[in-house]
Amino acid sequence: MLQINVNITNKIFFILKSPYLILNFYPFRSFPSIKHINPGNNSLSEERIMVIKMTINDRIKSIRNSLNLTQTKFAERIAISTSYLAAIELGNKRAHERVVRLIINEFNISEQWLTAGKGEMYNTDWDASLAKVTTLFKSLSPEVQACAVEQLDALSDLERSLKS
């Protein structure tokens, strides 16, 4: 239910009500106010937080940032132009199904998270594998770690050349 009210300072604000949450959006205020209702004793607590509804475009940018990739490198990995990726991230273009599939497969991203914003960003199987590799890598000497990184780079280059 959406209500429009006027508070005592004559600023218009919107209240989105649910059984346990009231979310106020005040114009020209960077942080909305959230009031939590405790149904047990009908007490009300308030905290100011930033509420952001992420779109699929925002989630794509979030993936790229979490991987510490430039737009150029990210676009290369999923075989799209940098300008198309920039337009997606800015919200000027939508991500086509093909691009969504490429991102999911290339970076092991959860489809549910990317398309609907639900769950975790990465598939949990991949997280377990990454944790195992990280543990193994940390147990190696610095010389062997350097060799392992070189081998992984070579494997990555080989895989990219086979895909082309």
Protein backbone atom coordinates (compact mmCIF):
# COMPACT_ATOMS: atom_id res chain seq x y z
CA MET A 1 0.00 0.00 0.00
CA LEU A 2 1.37 3.42 -0.93
CA GLN A 3 0.34 6.53 0.96
CA ILE A 4 1.31 10.12 0.31
CA ASN A 5 1.46 12.21 3.47
CA VAL A 6 2.69 15.65 4.46
CA ASN A 7 4.86 15.80 7.56
CA ILE A 8 5.06 18.71 9.98
CA THR A 9 7.70 20.52 7.91
CA ASN A 10 5.37 20.37 4.89
CA LYS A 11 7.68 18.04 2.96
CA ILE A 12 5.93 15.37 0.97
CA PHE A 13 7.03 11.83 1.70
CA PHE A 14 5.91 8.40 0.61
CA ILE A 15 5.23 5.51 2.94
CA LEU A 16 5.42 1.95 1.67
CA LYS A 17 3.75 -0.21 4.30
CA SER A 18 4.13 -3.90 4.98
CA PRO A 19 3.18 -5.72 8.21
CA TYR A 20 6.59 -5.16 9.77
CA LEU A 21 8.27 -2.39 7.80
CA ILE A 22 7.57 1.23 6.93
CA LEU A 23 9.86 2.80 4.35
CA ASN A 24 9.77 6.61 4.02
CA PHE A 25 11.16 8.34 0.95
CA TYR A 26 11.79 12.02 1.61
CA PRO A 27 12.53 14.23 -1.39
CA PHE A 28 16.02 15.75 -1.48
CA ARG A 29 17.20 13.51 1.34
CA SER A 30 19.99 11.13 0.51
CA PHE A 31 19.03 8.46 3.05
CA PRO A 32 15.47 7.18 3.44
CA SER A 33 14.23 6.27 6.86
CA ILE A 34 13.21 2.75 7.75
CA LYS A 35 10.99 1.99 10.71
CA HIS A 36 10.91 -1.57 11.98
CA ILE A 37 7.80 -2.64 13.83
CA ASN A 38 8.20 -5.31 16.46
CA PRO A 39 4.86 -7.15 16.35
CA GLY A 40 5.32 -8.60 19.83
CA ASN A 41 5.16 -5.31 21.71
CA ASN A 42 4.24 -2.92 18.87
CA SER A 43 7.47 -1.01 19.47
CA LEU A 44 8.96 1.05 16.66
CA SER A 45 12.65 1.49 15.93
CA GLU A 46 14.01 3.73 13.20
CA GLU A 47 17.30 3.76 11.33
CA ARG A 48 18.50 5.70 8.34
CA ILE A 49 19.85 3.61 5.51
CA MET A 50 20.42 3.96 1.80
CA VAL A 51 17.95 1.82 -0.14
CA ILE A 52 19.02 0.87 -3.61
CA LYS A 53 16.97 -1.28 -5.92
CA MET A 54 19.53 -2.86 -8.20
CA THR A 55 18.62 -3.54 -11.79
CA ILE A 56 20.23 -6.24 -13.89
CA ASN A 57 22.39 -3.45 -15.33
CA ASP A 58 23.58 -2.54 -11.83
CA ARG A 59 24.26 -6.20 -11.04
CA ILE A 60 26.39 -6.56 -14.20
CA LYS A 61 28.47 -3.58 -13.11
CA SER A 62 28.70 -5.05 -9.62
CA ILE A 63 30.05 -8.32 -11.06
CA ARG A 64 32.69 -6.46 -13.07
CA ASN A 65 33.72 -4.40 -10.02
CA SER A 66 33.88 -7.46 -7.75
CA LEU A 67 36.24 -9.10 -10.25
CA ASN A 68 38.38 -5.94 -10.47
CA LEU A 69 38.06 -5.91 -14.25
CA THR A 70 38.02 -2.88 -16.50
CA GLN A 71 35.11 -2.51 -18.89
CA THR A 72 37.47 -3.45 -21.73
CA LYS A 73 38.66 -6.68 -20.07
CA PHE A 74 35.14 -7.65 -18.96
CA ALA A 75 33.73 -7.00 -22.45
CA GLU A 76 36.52 -9.05 -24.05
CA ARG A 77 35.81 -12.01 -21.78
CA ILE A 78 32.14 -12.11 -22.84
CA ALA A 79 32.79 -11.13 -26.48
CA ILE A 80 30.89 -7.84 -26.59
CA SER A 81 32.04 -4.31 -27.37
CA THR A 82 33.17 -2.01 -24.61
CA SER A 83 30.67 0.62 -25.73
CA TYR A 84 27.80 -1.89 -25.45
CA LEU A 85 28.94 -2.85 -21.93
CA ALA A 86 29.18 0.82 -20.94
CA ALA A 87 25.65 1.42 -22.26
CA ILE A 88 24.37 -1.57 -20.26
CA GLU A 89 26.05 -0.35 -17.06
CA LEU A 90 24.63 3.15 -17.54
CA GLY A 91 21.17 1.71 -18.11
CA ASN A 92 20.95 3.02 -21.66
CA LYS A 93 20.66 -0.47 -23.16
CA ARG A 94 19.30 -3.69 -21.82
CA ALA A 95 21.39 -6.83 -21.54
CA HIS A 96 20.21 -9.32 -24.14
CA GLU A 97 19.67 -12.96 -23.15
CA ARG A 98 22.88 -13.96 -24.96
CA VAL A 99 24.91 -11.51 -22.86
CA VAL A 100 23.26 -12.75 -19.65
CA ARG A 101 24.14 -16.37 -20.59
CA LEU A 102 27.73 -15.40 -21.38
CA ILE A 103 28.15 -13.63 -18.03
CA ILE A 104 26.64 -16.56 -16.13
CA ASN A 105 28.90 -19.08 -17.85
CA GLU A 106 32.11 -17.06 -18.00
CA PHE A 107 32.10 -15.86 -14.39
CA ASN A 108 30.06 -18.65 -12.74
CA ILE A 109 27.36 -16.21 -11.66
CA SER A 110 24.06 -17.37 -10.21
CA GLU A 111 21.31 -16.92 -12.80
CA GLN A 112 18.77 -16.19 -10.08
CA TRP A 113 20.95 -13.43 -8.65
CA LEU A 114 21.75 -11.85 -12.00
CA THR A 115 18.22 -11.87 -13.37
CA ALA A 116 16.17 -11.30 -10.21
CA GLY A 117 18.61 -10.15 -7.52
CA LYS A 118 17.87 -13.15 -5.29
CA GLY A 119 20.42 -15.36 -3.57
CA GLU A 120 24.17 -15.10 -3.81
CA MET A 121 26.15 -13.55 -6.66
CA TYR A 122 28.30 -16.60 -7.34
CA ASN A 123 27.22 -20.22 -7.68
CA THR A 124 28.07 -21.99 -4.45
CA ASP A 125 29.84 -24.90 -6.20
CA TRP A 126 32.30 -22.42 -7.63
CA ASP A 127 32.76 -20.81 -4.22
CA ALA A 128 33.71 -24.17 -2.73
CA SER A 129 36.19 -24.82 -5.54
CA LEU A 130 37.68 -21.36 -5.16
CA ALA A 131 38.07 -21.85 -1.41
CA LYS A 132 39.89 -25.15 -1.99
CA VAL A 133 42.20 -23.65 -4.62
CA THR A 134 42.92 -20.65 -2.38
CA THR A 135 43.82 -22.91 0.54
CA LEU A 136 46.10 -25.02 -1.65
CA PHE A 137 47.70 -21.93 -3.18
CA LYS A 138 48.44 -20.41 0.23
CA SER A 139 50.18 -23.60 1.30
CA LEU A 140 52.71 -23.33 -1.58
CA SER A 141 56.07 -21.59 -1.38
CA PRO A 142 56.36 -18.20 -3.14
CA GLU A 143 58.43 -19.74 -5.96
CA VAL A 144 55.82 -22.45 -6.62
CA GLN A 145 53.01 -19.86 -6.37
CA ALA A 146 54.70 -17.80 -9.12
CA CYS A 147 55.00 -20.93 -11.27
CA ALA A 148 51.32 -21.79 -10.66
CA VAL A 149 50.23 -18.29 -11.71
CA GLU A 150 52.29 -18.57 -14.92
CA GLN A 151 50.69 -21.95 -15.67
CA LEU A 152 47.19 -20.60 -15.04
CA ASP A 153 47.88 -17.64 -17.35
CA ALA A 154 49.07 -20.04 -20.05
CA LEU A 155 45.97 -22.24 -19.61
CA SER A 156 43.72 -19.20 -19.77
CA ASP A 157 45.39 -17.98 -22.98
CA LEU A 158 45.09 -21.47 -24.49
CA GLU A 159 41.39 -21.68 -23.62
CA ARG A 160 40.71 -18.23 -25.13
CA SER A 161 42.55 -19.14 -28.33
CA LEU A 162 40.50 -22.38 -28.60
CA LYS A 163 37.25 -20.40 -28.18
CA SER A 164 38.18 -17.95 -30.95
